């Protein structure tokens, strides 16, 4: 029971920190907290759920431009691909 409660709390925390928006064109946007590796991992997972094989990050910016680069919440624009990552 304790493991289930812990897993439930962790899922809620992760879900509250990440937002994925699917664009009308060929790109999607993801908002997250963490470094470039976190953004790439989340984008790749989103693409795999959509039936693609990999993600290509097009750009990453701070959600709050007043913060130093790479800190706070990040906004990454990515594109899914059916090809294997390079």
Protein backbone atom coordinates (compact mmCIF):
# COMPACT_ATOMS: atom_id res chain seq x y z
CA UNK A 1 0.00 0.00 0.00
CA UNK A 2 2.87 2.37 0.82
CA UNK A 3 4.51 1.79 -2.58
CA UNK A 4 1.25 2.53 -4.38
CA UNK A 5 0.78 5.77 -2.45
CA UNK A 6 4.35 6.84 -3.17
CA UNK A 7 3.99 6.03 -6.88
CA UNK A 8 0.71 7.93 -7.03
CA UNK A 9 2.28 11.03 -5.45
CA UNK A 10 5.29 10.89 -7.80
CA UNK A 11 3.03 10.58 -10.86
CA UNK A 12 0.99 13.58 -9.72
CA UNK A 13 4.14 15.65 -9.20
CA UNK A 14 5.58 14.76 -12.60
CA UNK A 15 2.26 15.38 -14.32
CA UNK A 16 1.98 18.81 -12.74
CA UNK A 17 5.42 19.82 -14.02
CA UNK A 18 5.00 18.89 -17.68
CA UNK A 19 2.67 20.20 -20.37
CA UNK A 20 2.63 19.04 -23.99
CA UNK A 21 0.79 21.00 -26.66
CA UNK A 22 0.26 19.49 -30.09
CA UNK A 23 0.46 22.15 -32.80
CA UNK A 24 -1.64 22.35 -35.95
CA UNK A 25 1.49 22.23 -38.09
CA UNK A 26 4.19 19.59 -37.80
CA UNK A 27 5.57 20.76 -34.43
CA UNK A 28 4.63 20.33 -30.78
CA UNK A 29 5.60 22.24 -27.64
CA UNK A 30 6.54 20.85 -24.25
CA UNK A 31 6.92 22.84 -20.99
CA UNK A 32 9.04 21.21 -18.29
CA UNK A 33 11.53 21.79 -15.49
CA UNK A 34 15.00 20.39 -16.01
CA UNK A 35 17.88 20.30 -18.44
CA UNK A 36 18.14 19.49 -22.13
CA UNK A 37 18.27 15.74 -21.45
CA UNK A 38 14.92 15.92 -19.62
CA UNK A 39 13.33 17.79 -22.53
CA UNK A 40 14.64 15.30 -25.09
CA UNK A 41 13.46 12.36 -23.00
CA UNK A 42 9.95 13.82 -22.60
CA UNK A 43 9.69 14.74 -26.29
CA UNK A 44 10.83 11.26 -27.37
CA UNK A 45 8.31 9.63 -25.03
CA UNK A 46 5.52 11.82 -26.41
CA UNK A 47 6.48 10.94 -29.98
CA UNK A 48 6.59 7.22 -29.21
CA UNK A 49 3.12 7.41 -27.69
CA UNK A 50 2.01 9.05 -30.96
CA UNK A 51 3.40 6.10 -32.94
CA UNK A 52 6.65 7.73 -34.11
CA UNK A 53 10.20 6.61 -33.33
CA UNK A 54 12.07 9.71 -32.20
CA UNK A 55 11.92 13.46 -31.53
CA UNK A 56 13.97 16.32 -32.90
CA UNK A 57 14.23 19.41 -30.66
CA UNK A 58 13.91 22.54 -32.79
CA UNK A 59 14.33 25.18 -30.07
CA UNK A 60 14.43 25.56 -26.29
CA UNK A 61 13.86 28.82 -24.39
CA UNK A 62 13.18 29.84 -20.80
CA UNK A 63 9.52 30.36 -19.98
CA UNK A 64 10.61 33.34 -17.85
CA UNK A 65 13.11 35.35 -19.93
CA UNK A 66 14.35 37.19 -16.82
CA UNK A 67 16.01 34.00 -15.51
CA UNK A 68 19.48 32.87 -16.61
CA UNK A 69 19.55 30.49 -19.59
CA UNK A 70 18.75 26.89 -18.68
CA UNK A 71 17.08 27.65 -15.33
CA UNK A 72 13.43 27.54 -14.30
CA UNK A 73 10.75 26.16 -16.61
CA UNK A 74 11.83 25.46 -20.18
CA UNK A 75 9.74 25.54 -23.37
CA UNK A 76 10.94 23.24 -26.15
CA UNK A 77 9.50 23.01 -29.63
CA UNK A 78 9.99 19.59 -31.22
CA UNK A 79 9.05 17.53 -34.23
CA UNK A 80 8.38 13.79 -34.30
CA UNK A 81 10.05 11.53 -36.84
CA UNK A 82 9.55 7.97 -38.04
CA UNK A 83 13.34 7.57 -38.47
CA UNK A 84 15.74 6.33 -35.82
CA UNK A 85 17.58 9.13 -33.93
CA UNK A 86 21.02 10.03 -35.31
